[in-house]
Amino acid sequence: MKFIRNNSLNPYFNIALEEYCLENKANDENFFIIWRNKPSIIVGRHQNIFQEIDYEYIKKKIY
């Protein structure tokens, strides 16, 4: 098992690192990655953003 401590708070980098590890690992490799993001909303490709987030709350916090 490989341990990766990622100190980045950038969600773009963190998601990219996770994808890189999954796409480029050997079949028998496992990863344990510790990371955190700045406040962010991350929604998957097949998710409905309005069902996954509280839009009114986000609107108040951002604007």
C-alpha atoms as a PDB file:
ATOM      1  CA  MET A   1       0.000   0.000   0.000  1.00  0.00           C
ATOM      2  CA  LYS A   2       1.239   3.454  -0.904  1.00  0.00           C
ATOM      3  CA  PHE A   3       0.551   6.343   1.457  1.00  0.00           C
ATOM      4  CA  ILE A   4       0.235   9.819  -0.048  1.00  0.00           C
ATOM      5  CA  ARG A   5      -0.107  12.861   2.171  1.00  0.00           C
ATOM      6  CA  ASN A   6      -1.267  15.657  -0.062  1.00  0.00           C
ATOM      7  CA  ASN A   7      -1.079  19.128   1.512  1.00  0.00           C
ATOM      8  CA  SER A   8      -2.749  20.885  -1.412  1.00  0.00           C
ATOM      9  CA  LEU A   9      -6.082  22.615  -0.737  1.00  0.00           C
ATOM     10  CA  ASN A  10      -6.770  23.004  -4.469  1.00  0.00           C
ATOM     11  CA  PRO A  11      -9.749  20.789  -5.395  1.00  0.00           C
ATOM     12  CA  TYR A  12      -8.713  20.667  -9.073  1.00  0.00           C
ATOM     13  CA  PHE A  13      -5.297  19.291  -8.179  1.00  0.00           C
ATOM     14  CA  ASN A  14      -6.659  16.891  -5.553  1.00  0.00           C
ATOM     15  CA  ILE A  15      -9.213  15.309  -7.872  1.00  0.00           C
ATOM     16  CA  ALA A  16      -6.599  15.100 -10.647  1.00  0.00           C
ATOM     17  CA  LEU A  17      -4.125  13.391  -8.289  1.00  0.00           C
ATOM     18  CA  GLU A  18      -6.757  10.861  -7.264  1.00  0.00           C
ATOM     19  CA  GLU A  19      -7.618  10.138 -10.894  1.00  0.00           C
ATOM     20  CA  TYR A  20      -3.935   9.833 -11.826  1.00  0.00           C
ATOM     21  CA  CYS A  21      -3.341   7.296  -9.056  1.00  0.00           C
ATOM     22  CA  LEU A  22      -6.362   5.235 -10.124  1.00  0.00           C
ATOM     23  CA  GLU A  23      -5.509   5.332 -13.829  1.00  0.00           C
ATOM     24  CA  ASN A  24      -1.778   4.613 -13.492  1.00  0.00           C
ATOM     25  CA  LYS A  25      -1.586   2.065 -10.691  1.00  0.00           C
ATOM     26  CA  ALA A  26      -0.579  -1.543 -11.112  1.00  0.00           C
ATOM     27  CA  ASN A  27      -3.399  -4.048 -10.572  1.00  0.00           C
ATOM     28  CA  ASP A  28      -2.139  -5.066  -7.135  1.00  0.00           C
ATOM     29  CA  GLU A  29      -1.375  -1.536  -5.847  1.00  0.00           C
ATOM     30  CA  ASN A  30      -3.500   0.185  -3.225  1.00  0.00           C
ATOM     31  CA  PHE A  31      -3.370   3.840  -2.241  1.00  0.00           C
ATOM     32  CA  PHE A  32      -4.223   5.641   0.970  1.00  0.00           C
ATOM     33  CA  ILE A  33      -4.471   9.357   0.211  1.00  0.00           C
ATOM     34  CA  ILE A  34      -5.070  12.050   2.805  1.00  0.00           C
ATOM     35  CA  TRP A  35      -6.220  15.376   1.414  1.00  0.00           C
ATOM     36  CA  ARG A  36      -8.672  18.166   1.982  1.00  0.00           C
ATOM     37  CA  ASN A  37     -10.112  20.967  -0.121  1.00  0.00           C
ATOM     38  CA  LYS A  38     -10.948  24.602   0.283  1.00  0.00           C
ATOM     39  CA  PRO A  39     -14.731  24.955   0.573  1.00  0.00           C
ATOM     40  CA  SER A  40     -16.022  23.559  -2.705  1.00  0.00           C
ATOM     41  CA  ILE A  41     -18.854  21.712  -4.365  1.00  0.00           C
ATOM     42  CA  ILE A  42     -17.878  18.658  -6.348  1.00  0.00           C
ATOM     43  CA  VAL A  43     -20.601  17.028  -8.393  1.00  0.00           C
ATOM     44  CA  GLY A  44     -20.196  13.911 -10.496  1.00  0.00           C
ATOM     45  CA  ARG A  45     -20.996  13.703 -14.173  1.00  0.00           C
ATOM     46  CA  HIS A  46     -24.275  11.827 -13.722  1.00  0.00           C
ATOM     47  CA  GLN A  47     -25.531  13.764 -10.703  1.00  0.00           C
ATOM     48  CA  ASN A  48     -28.250  16.398 -10.762  1.00  0.00           C
ATOM     49  CA  ILE A  49     -26.679  19.466  -9.170  1.00  0.00           C
ATOM     50  CA  PHE A  50     -30.032  20.779  -7.874  1.00  0.00           C
ATOM     51  CA  GLN A  51     -30.758  17.486  -6.088  1.00  0.00           C
ATOM     52  CA  GLU A  52     -27.265  17.244  -4.594  1.00  0.00           C
ATOM     53  CA  ILE A  53     -26.809  20.746  -3.156  1.00  0.00           C
ATOM     54  CA  ASP A  54     -28.872  23.239  -1.184  1.00  0.00           C
ATOM     55  CA  TYR A  55     -28.890  25.972  -3.820  1.00  0.00           C
ATOM     56  CA  GLU A  56     -30.471  28.650  -1.626  1.00  0.00           C
ATOM     57  CA  TYR A  57     -27.852  28.101   1.101  1.00  0.00           C
ATOM     58  CA  ILE A  58     -24.998  28.268  -1.416  1.00  0.00           C
ATOM     59  CA  LYS A  59     -26.450  31.397  -3.004  1.00  0.00           C
ATOM     60  CA  LYS A  60     -26.520  33.129   0.405  1.00  0.00           C
ATOM     61  CA  LYS A  61     -22.958  32.067   1.248  1.00  0.00           C
ATOM     62  CA  ILE A  62     -21.386  33.072  -2.059  1.00  0.00           C
ATOM     63  CA  TYR A  63     -23.265  36.262  -2.969  1.00  0.00           C
END
